[in-house]
Amino acid sequence: HLDAKAVPVQPEVKGVCGMLGLEPLYLACEGRLVIMAPKEEAEGIVE
């Protein structure tokens, strides 16, 4: 379950995706991780 408002997207990337009809969630990253951990750990990990 994702919250679209919480997904960080650079304004320039969002603009390009809007013009070309692309979804940023399907564009590649080469310096980003997806981490899944228990909720009680999440704030500490983000900090």
All heavy atoms as atom14 arrays in JSON, in Angstrom:
{
  "sequence": "HLDAKAVPVQPEVKGVCGMLGLEPLYLACEGRLVIMAPKEEAEGIVE",
  "atom14_mask": [
    [1, 1, 1, 1, 1, 1, 1, 1, 1, 1, 0, 0, 0, 0],
    [1, 1, 1, 1, 1, 1, 1, 1, 0, 0, 0, 0, 0, 0],
    [1, 1, 1, 1, 1, 1, 1, 1, 0, 0, 0, 0, 0, 0],
    [1, 1, 1, 1, 1, 0, 0, 0, 0, 0, 0, 0, 0, 0],
    [1, 1, 1, 1, 1, 1, 1, 1, 1, 0, 0, 0, 0, 0],
    [1, 1, 1, 1, 1, 0, 0, 0, 0, 0, 0, 0, 0, 0],
    [1, 1, 1, 1, 1, 1, 1, 0, 0, 0, 0, 0, 0, 0],
    [1, 1, 1, 1, 1, 1, 1, 0, 0, 0, 0, 0, 0, 0],
    [1, 1, 1, 1, 1, 1, 1, 0, 0, 0, 0, 0, 0, 0],
    [1, 1, 1, 1, 1, 1, 1, 1, 1, 0, 0, 0, 0, 0],
    [1, 1, 1, 1, 1, 1, 1, 0, 0, 0, 0, 0, 0, 0],
    [1, 1, 1, 1, 1, 1, 1, 1, 1, 0, 0, 0, 0, 0],
    [1, 1, 1, 1, 1, 1, 1, 0, 0, 0, 0, 0, 0, 0],
    [1, 1, 1, 1, 1, 1, 1, 1, 1, 0, 0, 0, 0, 0],
    [1, 1, 1, 1, 0, 0, 0, 0, 0, 0, 0, 0, 0, 0],
    [1, 1, 1, 1, 1, 1, 1, 0, 0, 0, 0, 0, 0, 0],
    [1, 1, 1, 1, 1, 1, 0, 0, 0, 0, 0, 0, 0, 0],
    [1, 1, 1, 1, 0, 0, 0, 0, 0, 0, 0, 0, 0, 0],
    [1, 1, 1, 1, 1, 1, 1, 1, 0, 0, 0, 0, 0, 0],
    [1, 1, 1, 1, 1, 1, 1, 1, 0, 0, 0, 0, 0, 0],
    [1, 1, 1, 1, 0, 0, 0, 0, 0, 0, 0, 0, 0, 0],
    [1, 1, 1, 1, 1, 1, 1, 1, 0, 0, 0, 0, 0, 0],
    [1, 1, 1, 1, 1, 1, 1, 1, 1, 0, 0, 0, 0, 0],
    [1, 1, 1, 1, 1, 1, 1, 0, 0, 0, 0, 0, 0, 0],
    [1, 1, 1, 1, 1, 1, 1, 1, 0, 0, 0, 0, 0, 0],
    [1, 1, 1, 1, 1, 1, 1, 1, 1, 1, 1, 1, 0, 0],
    [1, 1, 1, 1, 1, 1, 1, 1, 0, 0, 0, 0, 0, 0],
    [1, 1, 1, 1, 1, 0, 0, 0, 0, 0, 0, 0, 0, 0],
    [1, 1, 1, 1, 1, 1, 0, 0, 0, 0, 0, 0, 0, 0],
    [1, 1, 1, 1, 1, 1, 1, 1, 1, 0, 0, 0, 0, 0],
    [1, 1, 1, 1, 0, 0, 0, 0, 0, 0, 0, 0, 0, 0],
    [1, 1, 1, 1, 1, 1, 1, 1, 1, 1, 1, 0, 0, 0],
    [1, 1, 1, 1, 1, 1, 1, 1, 0, 0, 0, 0, 0, 0],
    [1, 1, 1, 1, 1, 1, 1, 0, 0, 0, 0, 0, 0, 0],
    [1, 1, 1, 1, 1, 1, 1, 1, 0, 0, 0, 0, 0, 0],
    [1, 1, 1, 1, 1, 1, 1, 1, 0, 0, 0, 0, 0, 0],
    [1, 1, 1, 1, 1, 0, 0, 0, 0, 0, 0, 0, 0, 0],
    [1, 1, 1, 1, 1, 1, 1, 0, 0, 0, 0, 0, 0, 0],
    [1, 1, 1, 1, 1, 1, 1, 1, 1, 0, 0, 0, 0, 0],
    [1, 1, 1, 1, 1, 1, 1, 1, 1, 0, 0, 0, 0, 0],
    [1, 1, 1, 1, 1, 1, 1, 1, 1, 0, 0, 0, 0, 0],
    [1, 1, 1, 1, 1, 0, 0, 0, 0, 0, 0, 0, 0, 0],
    [1, 1, 1, 1, 1, 1, 1, 1, 1, 0, 0, 0, 0, 0],
    [1, 1, 1, 1, 0, 0, 0, 0, 0, 0, 0, 0, 0, 0],
    [1, 1, 1, 1, 1, 1, 1, 1, 0, 0, 0, 0, 0, 0],
    [1, 1, 1, 1, 1, 1, 1, 0, 0, 0, 0, 0, 0, 0],
    [1, 1, 1, 1, 1, 1, 1, 1, 1, 0, 0, 0, 0, 0]
  ],
  "atom14_positions": [
    [[0.86, -1.18, 0.0], [0.0, 0.0, 0.0], [0.9, 1.23, 0.0], [1.65, 1.46, 0.95], [-0.91, 0.0, 1.24], [-1.95, 1.07, 1.21], [-3.3, 0.82, 1.3], [-1.85, 2.42, 1.08], [-3.97, 1.96, 1.24], [-3.1, 2.95, 1.12], [0.0, 0.0, 0.0], [0.0, 0.0, 0.0], [0.0, 0.0, 0.0], [0.0, 0.0, 0.0]],
    [[0.82, 2.04, -1.08], [1.65, 3.23, -1.22], [0.84, 4.49, -1.03], [-0.35, 4.53, -1.35], [2.3, 3.28, -2.61], [3.34, 2.24, -2.98], [3.89, 2.55, -4.37], [4.46, 2.21, -1.96], [0.0, 0.0, 0.0], [0.0, 0.0, 0.0], [0.0, 0.0, 0.0], [0.0, 0.0, 0.0], [0.0, 0.0, 0.0], [0.0, 0.0, 0.0]],
    [[1.52, 5.54, -0.56], [0.92, 6.87, -0.47], [1.61, 7.74, -1.52], [2.78, 8.1, -1.38], [1.14, 7.44, 0.93], [0.57, 8.84, 1.1], [-0.02, 9.37, 0.13], [0.72, 9.41, 2.2], [0.0, 0.0, 0.0], [0.0, 0.0, 0.0], [0.0, 0.0, 0.0], [0.0, 0.0, 0.0], [0.0, 0.0, 0.0], [0.0, 0.0, 0.0]],
    [[0.89, 8.09, -2.58], [1.49, 8.84, -3.69], [2.08, 10.17, -3.22], [3.12, 10.61, -3.73], [0.45, 9.08, -4.78], [0.0, 0.0, 0.0], [0.0, 0.0, 0.0], [0.0, 0.0, 0.0], [0.0, 0.0, 0.0], [0.0, 0.0, 0.0], [0.0, 0.0, 0.0], [0.0, 0.0, 0.0], [0.0, 0.0, 0.0], [0.0, 0.0, 0.0]],
    [[1.44, 10.82, -2.26], [1.91, 12.12, -1.79], [3.27, 12.01, -1.11], [4.01, 12.98, -1.03], [0.89, 12.74, -0.83], [-0.46, 13.07, -1.44], [-1.31, 13.91, -0.5], [-1.62, 13.19, 0.81], [-2.44, 11.98, 0.61], [0.0, 0.0, 0.0], [0.0, 0.0, 0.0], [0.0, 0.0, 0.0], [0.0, 0.0, 0.0], [0.0, 0.0, 0.0]],
    [[3.6, 10.83, -0.58], [4.84, 10.65, 0.18], [6.02, 10.27, -0.69], [7.16, 10.3, -0.23], [4.63, 9.58, 1.25], [0.0, 0.0, 0.0], [0.0, 0.0, 0.0], [0.0, 0.0, 0.0], [0.0, 0.0, 0.0], [0.0, 0.0, 0.0], [0.0, 0.0, 0.0], [0.0, 0.0, 0.0], [0.0, 0.0, 0.0], [0.0, 0.0, 0.0]],
    [[5.78, 9.92, -1.95], [6.86, 9.45, -2.84], [7.65, 10.67, -3.34], [7.1, 11.53, -4.03], [6.29, 8.66, -4.03], [7.43, 8.23, -4.95], [5.5, 7.44, -3.55], [0.0, 0.0, 0.0], [0.0, 0.0, 0.0], [0.0, 0.0, 0.0], [0.0, 0.0, 0.0], [0.0, 0.0, 0.0], [0.0, 0.0, 0.0], [0.0, 0.0, 0.0]],
    [[8.94, 10.76, -3.0], [9.71, 11.95, -3.42], [10.11, 11.86, -4.89], [10.72, 10.88, -5.33], [10.94, 11.89, -2.51], [11.09, 10.46, -2.11], [9.71, 9.86, -2.13], [0.0, 0.0, 0.0], [0.0, 0.0, 0.0], [0.0, 0.0, 0.0], [0.0, 0.0, 0.0], [0.0, 0.0, 0.0], [0.0, 0.0, 0.0], [0.0, 0.0, 0.0]],
    [[9.74, 12.88, -5.66], [10.1, 12.98, -7.07], [10.58, 14.4, -7.34], [9.88, 15.37, -6.99], [8.9, 12.67, -8.0], [9.34, 12.68, -9.47], [8.28, 11.31, -7.66], [0.0, 0.0, 0.0], [0.0, 0.0, 0.0], [0.0, 0.0, 0.0], [0.0, 0.0, 0.0], [0.0, 0.0, 0.0], [0.0, 0.0, 0.0], [0.0, 0.0, 0.0]],
    [[11.75, 14.54, -7.93], [12.28, 15.86, -8.26], [11.31, 16.58, -9.21], [10.8, 15.96, -10.14], [13.66, 15.7, -8.9], [14.48, 16.96, -9.0], [15.83, 16.7, -9.63], [15.91, 16.32, -10.79], [16.9, 16.87, -8.86], [0.0, 0.0, 0.0], [0.0, 0.0, 0.0], [0.0, 0.0, 0.0], [0.0, 0.0, 0.0], [0.0, 0.0, 0.0]],
    [[11.06, 17.89, -9.01], [10.11, 18.59, -9.89], [10.43, 18.45, -11.37], [9.52, 18.31, -12.19], [10.22, 20.05, -9.42], [10.7, 19.96, -8.01], [11.57, 18.76, -7.93], [0.0, 0.0, 0.0], [0.0, 0.0, 0.0], [0.0, 0.0, 0.0], [0.0, 0.0, 0.0], [0.0, 0.0, 0.0], [0.0, 0.0, 0.0], [0.0, 0.0, 0.0]],
    [[11.72, 18.49, -11.73], [12.1, 18.36, -13.14], [11.72, 16.99, -13.69], [11.26, 16.87, -14.82], [13.6, 18.59, -13.31], [14.06, 20.02, -13.06], [14.26, 20.33, -11.59], [13.98, 19.46, -10.73], [14.69, 21.47, -11.29], [0.0, 0.0, 0.0], [0.0, 0.0, 0.0], [0.0, 0.0, 0.0], [0.0, 0.0, 0.0], [0.0, 0.0, 0.0]],
    [[11.91, 15.95, -12.88], [11.55, 14.59, -13.3], [10.04, 14.47, -13.43], [9.52, 13.9, -14.39], [12.1, 13.55, -12.31], [11.59, 12.15, -12.64], [13.63, 13.56, -12.31], [0.0, 0.0, 0.0], [0.0, 0.0, 0.0], [0.0, 0.0, 0.0], [0.0, 0.0, 0.0], [0.0, 0.0, 0.0], [0.0, 0.0, 0.0], [0.0, 0.0, 0.0]],
    [[9.32, 15.05, -12.47], [7.86, 15.02, -12.52], [7.35, 15.73, -13.77], [6.42, 15.27, -14.44], [7.29, 15.68, -11.26], [5.79, 15.52, -11.1], [5.31, 16.09, -9.76], [5.78, 15.26, -8.59], [5.16, 15.72, -7.3], [0.0, 0.0, 0.0], [0.0, 0.0, 0.0], [0.0, 0.0, 0.0], [0.0, 0.0, 0.0], [0.0, 0.0, 0.0]],
    [[8.0, 16.85, -14.12], [7.6, 17.59, -15.31], [7.84, 16.8, -16.59], [6.97, 16.76, -17.47], [0.0, 0.0, 0.0], [0.0, 0.0, 0.0], [0.0, 0.0, 0.0], [0.0, 0.0, 0.0], [0.0, 0.0, 0.0], [0.0, 0.0, 0.0], [0.0, 0.0, 0.0], [0.0, 0.0, 0.0], [0.0, 0.0, 0.0], [0.0, 0.0, 0.0]],
    [[9.01, 16.18, -16.7], [9.32, 15.37, -17.89], [8.34, 14.21, -18.0], [7.82, 13.92, -19.09], [10.77, 14.85, -17.84], [11.02, 13.83, -18.94], [11.75, 16.0, -17.97], [0.0, 0.0, 0.0], [0.0, 0.0, 0.0], [0.0, 0.0, 0.0], [0.0, 0.0, 0.0], [0.0, 0.0, 0.0], [0.0, 0.0, 0.0], [0.0, 0.0, 0.0]],
    [[8.07, 13.55, -16.89], [7.14, 12.42, -16.91], [5.74, 12.87, -17.32], [5.04, 12.17, -18.07], [7.1, 11.74, -15.54], [8.59, 10.8, -15.16], [0.0, 0.0, 0.0], [0.0, 0.0, 0.0], [0.0, 0.0, 0.0], [0.0, 0.0, 0.0], [0.0, 0.0, 0.0], [0.0, 0.0, 0.0], [0.0, 0.0, 0.0], [0.0, 0.0, 0.0]],
    [[5.32, 14.04, -16.84], [4.01, 14.55, -17.22], [3.91, 14.83, -18.7], [2.89, 14.55, -19.34], [0.0, 0.0, 0.0], [0.0, 0.0, 0.0], [0.0, 0.0, 0.0], [0.0, 0.0, 0.0], [0.0, 0.0, 0.0], [0.0, 0.0, 0.0], [0.0, 0.0, 0.0], [0.0, 0.0, 0.0], [0.0, 0.0, 0.0], [0.0, 0.0, 0.0]],
    [[4.99, 15.36, -19.29], [4.99, 15.68, -20.72], [5.01, 14.44, -21.6], [4.43, 14.4, -22.68], [6.2, 16.56, -21.05], [6.13, 17.95, -20.43], [7.64, 18.9, -20.72], [7.46, 19.24, -22.48], [0.0, 0.0, 0.0], [0.0, 0.0, 0.0], [0.0, 0.0, 0.0], [0.0, 0.0, 0.0], [0.0, 0.0, 0.0], [0.0, 0.0, 0.0]],
    [[5.68, 13.38, -21.11], [5.85, 12.17, -21.92], [4.91, 11.04, -21.52], [4.95, 9.97, -22.13], [7.31, 11.69, -21.82], [8.37, 12.68, -22.32], [9.76, 12.09, -22.13], [8.13, 13.03, -23.78], [0.0, 0.0, 0.0], [0.0, 0.0, 0.0], [0.0, 0.0, 0.0], [0.0, 0.0, 0.0], [0.0, 0.0, 0.0], [0.0, 0.0, 0.0]],
    [[4.09, 11.27, -20.53], [3.14, 10.23, -20.12], [3.79, 9.05, -19.42], [3.36, 7.91, -19.58], [0.0, 0.0, 0.0], [0.0, 0.0, 0.0], [0.0, 0.0, 0.0], [0.0, 0.0, 0.0], [0.0, 0.0, 0.0], [0.0, 0.0, 0.0], [0.0, 0.0, 0.0], [0.0, 0.0, 0.0], [0.0, 0.0, 0.0], [0.0, 0.0, 0.0]],
    [[4.85, 9.31, -18.64], [5.57, 8.25, -17.95], [5.25, 8.28, -16.45], [4.87, 9.31, -15.9], [7.08, 8.42, -18.14], [7.58, 8.37, -19.59], [9.06, 8.7, -19.64], [7.31, 7.01, -20.21], [0.0, 0.0, 0.0], [0.0, 0.0, 0.0], [0.0, 0.0, 0.0], [0.0, 0.0, 0.0], [0.0, 0.0, 0.0], [0.0, 0.0, 0.0]],
    [[5.42, 7.14, -15.8], [5.22, 7.02, -14.37], [6.6, 6.98, -13.69], [7.39, 6.07, -13.94], [4.44, 5.74, -14.05], [4.38, 5.35, -12.58], [3.88, 6.46, -11.69], [2.7, 6.86, -11.82], [4.68, 6.95, -10.86], [0.0, 0.0, 0.0], [0.0, 0.0, 0.0], [0.0, 0.0, 0.0], [0.0, 0.0, 0.0], [0.0, 0.0, 0.0]],
    [[6.93, 7.97, -12.83], [8.25, 8.0, -12.19], [8.58, 6.72, -11.44], [9.75, 6.35, -11.33], [8.15, 9.19, -11.23], [7.08, 10.06, -11.81], [6.1, 9.14, -12.47], [0.0, 0.0, 0.0], [0.0, 0.0, 0.0], [0.0, 0.0, 0.0], [0.0, 0.0, 0.0], [0.0, 0.0, 0.0], [0.0, 0.0, 0.0], [0.0, 0.0, 0.0]],
    [[7.56, 6.03, -10.92], [7.82, 4.79, -10.18], [8.44, 3.7, -11.05], [9.03, 2.76, -10.53], [6.51, 4.26, -9.57], [6.02, 5.0, -8.32], [4.57, 4.68, -8.04], [6.89, 4.65, -7.11], [0.0, 0.0, 0.0], [0.0, 0.0, 0.0], [0.0, 0.0, 0.0], [0.0, 0.0, 0.0], [0.0, 0.0, 0.0], [0.0, 0.0, 0.0]],
    [[8.33, 3.83, -12.37], [8.9, 2.82, -13.27], [10.17, 3.29, -13.96], [10.69, 2.6, -14.84], [7.86, 2.39, -14.3], [6.72, 1.6, -13.71], [5.4, 1.93, -13.98], [6.97, 0.55, -12.84], [4.36, 1.22, -13.42], [5.94, -0.17, -12.27], [4.63, 0.17, -12.57], [3.59, -0.54, -12.01], [0.0, 0.0, 0.0], [0.0, 0.0, 0.0]],
    [[10.67, 4.46, -13.59], [11.94, 4.92, -14.14], [13.08, 4.49, -13.23], [12.97, 4.53, -12.0], [11.94, 6.44, -14.29], [11.1, 7.02, -15.44], [11.22, 8.53, -15.45], [11.53, 6.45, -16.78], [0.0, 0.0, 0.0], [0.0, 0.0, 0.0], [0.0, 0.0, 0.0], [0.0, 0.0, 0.0], [0.0, 0.0, 0.0], [0.0, 0.0, 0.0]],
    [[14.19, 4.11, -13.84], [15.3, 3.54, -13.1], [15.97, 4.53, -12.16], [16.04, 5.72, -12.43], [16.34, 2.99, -14.08], [0.0, 0.0, 0.0], [0.0, 0.0, 0.0], [0.0, 0.0, 0.0], [0.0, 0.0, 0.0], [0.0, 0.0, 0.0], [0.0, 0.0, 0.0], [0.0, 0.0, 0.0], [0.0, 0.0, 0.0], [0.0, 0.0, 0.0]],
    [[16.48, 3.99, -11.08], [17.37, 4.71, -10.17], [18.7, 3.95, -10.14], [18.75, 2.75, -10.39], [16.79, 4.73, -8.75], [15.08, 5.28, -8.63], [0.0, 0.0, 0.0], [0.0, 0.0, 0.0], [0.0, 0.0, 0.0], [0.0, 0.0, 0.0], [0.0, 0.0, 0.0], [0.0, 0.0, 0.0], [0.0, 0.0, 0.0], [0.0, 0.0, 0.0]],
    [[19.78, 4.65, -9.85], [21.07, 3.98, -9.67], [21.74, 4.4, -8.36], [22.91, 4.12, -8.15], [22.0, 4.26, -10.85], [21.66, 3.47, -12.1], [21.88, 1.97, -11.97], [22.54, 1.54, -10.99], [21.38, 1.22, -12.84], [0.0, 0.0, 0.0], [0.0, 0.0, 0.0], [0.0, 0.0, 0.0], [0.0, 0.0, 0.0], [0.0, 0.0, 0.0]],
    [[20.94, 5.05, -7.48], [21.48, 5.44, -6.19], [20.4, 5.47, -5.13], [20.48, 6.23, -4.17], [0.0, 0.0, 0.0], [0.0, 0.0, 0.0], [0.0, 0.0, 0.0], [0.0, 0.0, 0.0], [0.0, 0.0, 0.0], [0.0, 0.0, 0.0], [0.0, 0.0, 0.0], [0.0, 0.0, 0.0], [0.0, 0.0, 0.0], [0.0, 0.0, 0.0]],
    [[19.37, 4.62, -5.32], [18.24, 4.61, -4.4], [17.93, 3.18, -3.94], [17.96, 2.24, -4.74], [16.99, 5.2, -5.07], [17.16, 6.65, -5.49], [17.24, 7.57, -4.29], [17.4, 8.97, -4.68], [18.55, 9.63, -4.65], [19.66, 9.02, -4.25], [18.62, 10.89, -5.0], [0.0, 0.0, 0.0], [0.0, 0.0, 0.0], [0.0, 0.0, 0.0]],
    [[17.61, 3.06, -2.67], [17.24, 1.77, -2.09], [15.79, 1.78, -1.67], [15.24, 2.82, -1.3], [18.11, 1.48, -0.86], [19.62, 1.46, -1.05], [20.31, 1.4, 0.31], [20.03, 0.29, -1.92], [0.0, 0.0, 0.0], [0.0, 0.0, 0.0], [0.0, 0.0, 0.0], [0.0, 0.0, 0.0], [0.0, 0.0, 0.0], [0.0, 0.0, 0.0]],
    [[15.17, 0.61, -1.72], [13.88, 0.35, -1.08], [14.17, -0.51, 0.14], [14.79, -1.57, 0.02], [12.9, -0.36, -2.03], [11.62, -0.74, -1.27], [12.58, 0.52, -3.23], [0.0, 0.0, 0.0], [0.0, 0.0, 0.0], [0.0, 0.0, 0.0], [0.0, 0.0, 0.0], [0.0, 0.0, 0.0], [0.0, 0.0, 0.0], [0.0, 0.0, 0.0]],
    [[13.76, -0.04, 1.3], [14.0, -0.76, 2.55], [12.66, -1.08, 3.19], [11.79, -0.22, 3.28], [14.86, 0.08, 3.52], [16.24, 0.36, 2.89], [15.02, -0.62, 4.86], [17.09, 1.33, 3.71], [0.0, 0.0, 0.0], [0.0, 0.0, 0.0], [0.0, 0.0, 0.0], [0.0, 0.0, 0.0], [0.0, 0.0, 0.0], [0.0, 0.0, 0.0]],
    [[12.51, -2.32, 3.64], [11.31, -2.72, 4.39], [11.75, -3.21, 5.76], [12.62, -4.08, 5.88], [10.55, -3.8, 3.64], [10.01, -3.31, 2.3], [8.98, -4.53, 1.47], [8.62, -3.64, -0.07], [0.0, 0.0, 0.0], [0.0, 0.0, 0.0], [0.0, 0.0, 0.0], [0.0, 0.0, 0.0], [0.0, 0.0, 0.0], [0.0, 0.0, 0.0]],
    [[11.14, -2.62, 6.78], [11.5, -2.92, 8.16], [10.28, -2.69, 9.04], [9.34, -1.99, 8.65], [12.66, -2.03, 8.62], [0.0, 0.0, 0.0], [0.0, 0.0, 0.0], [0.0, 0.0, 0.0], [0.0, 0.0, 0.0], [0.0, 0.0, 0.0], [0.0, 0.0, 0.0], [0.0, 0.0, 0.0], [0.0, 0.0, 0.0], [0.0, 0.0, 0.0]],
    [[10.24, -3.29, 10.23], [9.1, -3.07, 11.12], [8.86, -1.59, 11.38], [9.8, -0.79, 11.45], [9.53, -3.79, 12.41], [10.48, -4.86, 11.95], [11.21, -4.24, 10.79], [0.0, 0.0, 0.0], [0.0, 0.0, 0.0], [0.0, 0.0, 0.0], [0.0, 0.0, 0.0], [0.0, 0.0, 0.0], [0.0, 0.0, 0.0], [0.0, 0.0, 0.0]],
    [[7.58, -1.23, 11.51], [7.21, 0.19, 11.67], [7.95, 0.86, 12.82], [8.31, 2.04, 12.73], [5.7, 0.31, 11.9], [4.86, 0.12, 10.65], [3.38, 0.32, 10.98], [2.52, 0.1, 9.75], [1.07, 0.25, 10.06], [0.0, 0.0, 0.0], [0.0, 0.0, 0.0], [0.0, 0.0, 0.0], [0.0, 0.0, 0.0], [0.0, 0.0, 0.0]],
    [[8.19, 0.13, 13.92], [8.83, 0.75, 15.07], [10.28, 1.15, 14.79], [10.87, 1.95, 15.52], [8.76, -0.17, 16.29], [9.45, -1.51, 16.11], [8.52, -2.61, 15.6], [7.48, -2.26, 14.99], [8.84, -3.78, 15.83], [0.0, 0.0, 0.0], [0.0, 0.0, 0.0], [0.0, 0.0, 0.0], [0.0, 0.0, 0.0], [0.0, 0.0, 0.0]],
    [[10.86, 0.6, 13.73], [12.23, 0.94, 13.36], [12.3, 2.07, 12.32], [13.35, 2.66, 12.09], [12.95, -0.29, 12.77], [12.96, -1.51, 13.66], [14.01, -1.41, 14.77], [14.69, -0.36, 14.85], [14.12, -2.37, 15.54], [0.0, 0.0, 0.0], [0.0, 0.0, 0.0], [0.0, 0.0, 0.0], [0.0, 0.0, 0.0], [0.0, 0.0, 0.0]],
    [[11.16, 2.35, 11.67], [11.18, 3.17, 10.46], [11.68, 4.59, 10.7], [12.51, 5.1, 9.93], [9.78, 3.21, 9.84], [0.0, 0.0, 0.0], [0.0, 0.0, 0.0], [0.0, 0.0, 0.0], [0.0, 0.0, 0.0], [0.0, 0.0, 0.0], [0.0, 0.0, 0.0], [0.0, 0.0, 0.0], [0.0, 0.0, 0.0], [0.0, 0.0, 0.0]],
    [[11.2, 5.25, 11.74], [11.6, 6.64, 11.97], [13.1, 6.74, 12.24], [13.79, 7.66, 11.77], [10.8, 7.25, 13.12], [9.33, 7.46, 12.82], [9.09, 8.5, 11.73], [10.01, 9.31, 11.45], [7.99, 8.49, 11.14], [0.0, 0.0, 0.0], [0.0, 0.0, 0.0], [0.0, 0.0, 0.0], [0.0, 0.0, 0.0], [0.0, 0.0, 0.0]],
    [[13.63, 5.81, 13.01], [15.07, 5.8, 13.29], [15.89, 5.58, 12.04], [16.96, 6.19, 11.87], [0.0, 0.0, 0.0], [0.0, 0.0, 0.0], [0.0, 0.0, 0.0], [0.0, 0.0, 0.0], [0.0, 0.0, 0.0], [0.0, 0.0, 0.0], [0.0, 0.0, 0.0], [0.0, 0.0, 0.0], [0.0, 0.0, 0.0], [0.0, 0.0, 0.0]],
    [[15.41, 4.7, 11.15], [16.11, 4.44, 9.89], [16.12, 5.7, 9.02], [17.15, 6.08, 8.47], [15.45, 3.26, 9.15], [15.71, 1.96, 9.91], [15.97, 3.15, 7.72], [14.92, 0.77, 9.38], [0.0, 0.0, 0.0], [0.0, 0.0, 0.0], [0.0, 0.0, 0.0], [0.0, 0.0, 0.0], [0.0, 0.0, 0.0], [0.0, 0.0, 0.0]],
    [[14.96, 6.35, 8.91], [14.88, 7.57, 8.09], [15.77, 8.66, 8.66], [16.47, 9.37, 7.92], [13.42, 8.04, 7.97], [13.35, 9.43, 7.34], [12.61, 7.05, 7.14], [0.0, 0.0, 0.0], [0.0, 0.0, 0.0], [0.0, 0.0, 0.0], [0.0, 0.0, 0.0], [0.0, 0.0, 0.0], [0.0, 0.0, 0.0], [0.0, 0.0, 0.0]],
    [[15.78, 8.8, 9.96], [16.64, 9.81, 10.6], [18.11, 9.55, 10.27], [18.86, 10.48, 9.96], [16.42, 9.79, 12.12], [17.19, 10.86, 12.85], [16.93, 10.84, 14.35], [15.98, 10.15, 14.79], [17.69, 11.51, 15.08], [0.0, 0.0, 0.0], [0.0, 0.0, 0.0], [0.0, 0.0, 0.0], [0.0, 0.0, 0.0], [0.0, 0.0, 0.0]]
  ]
}
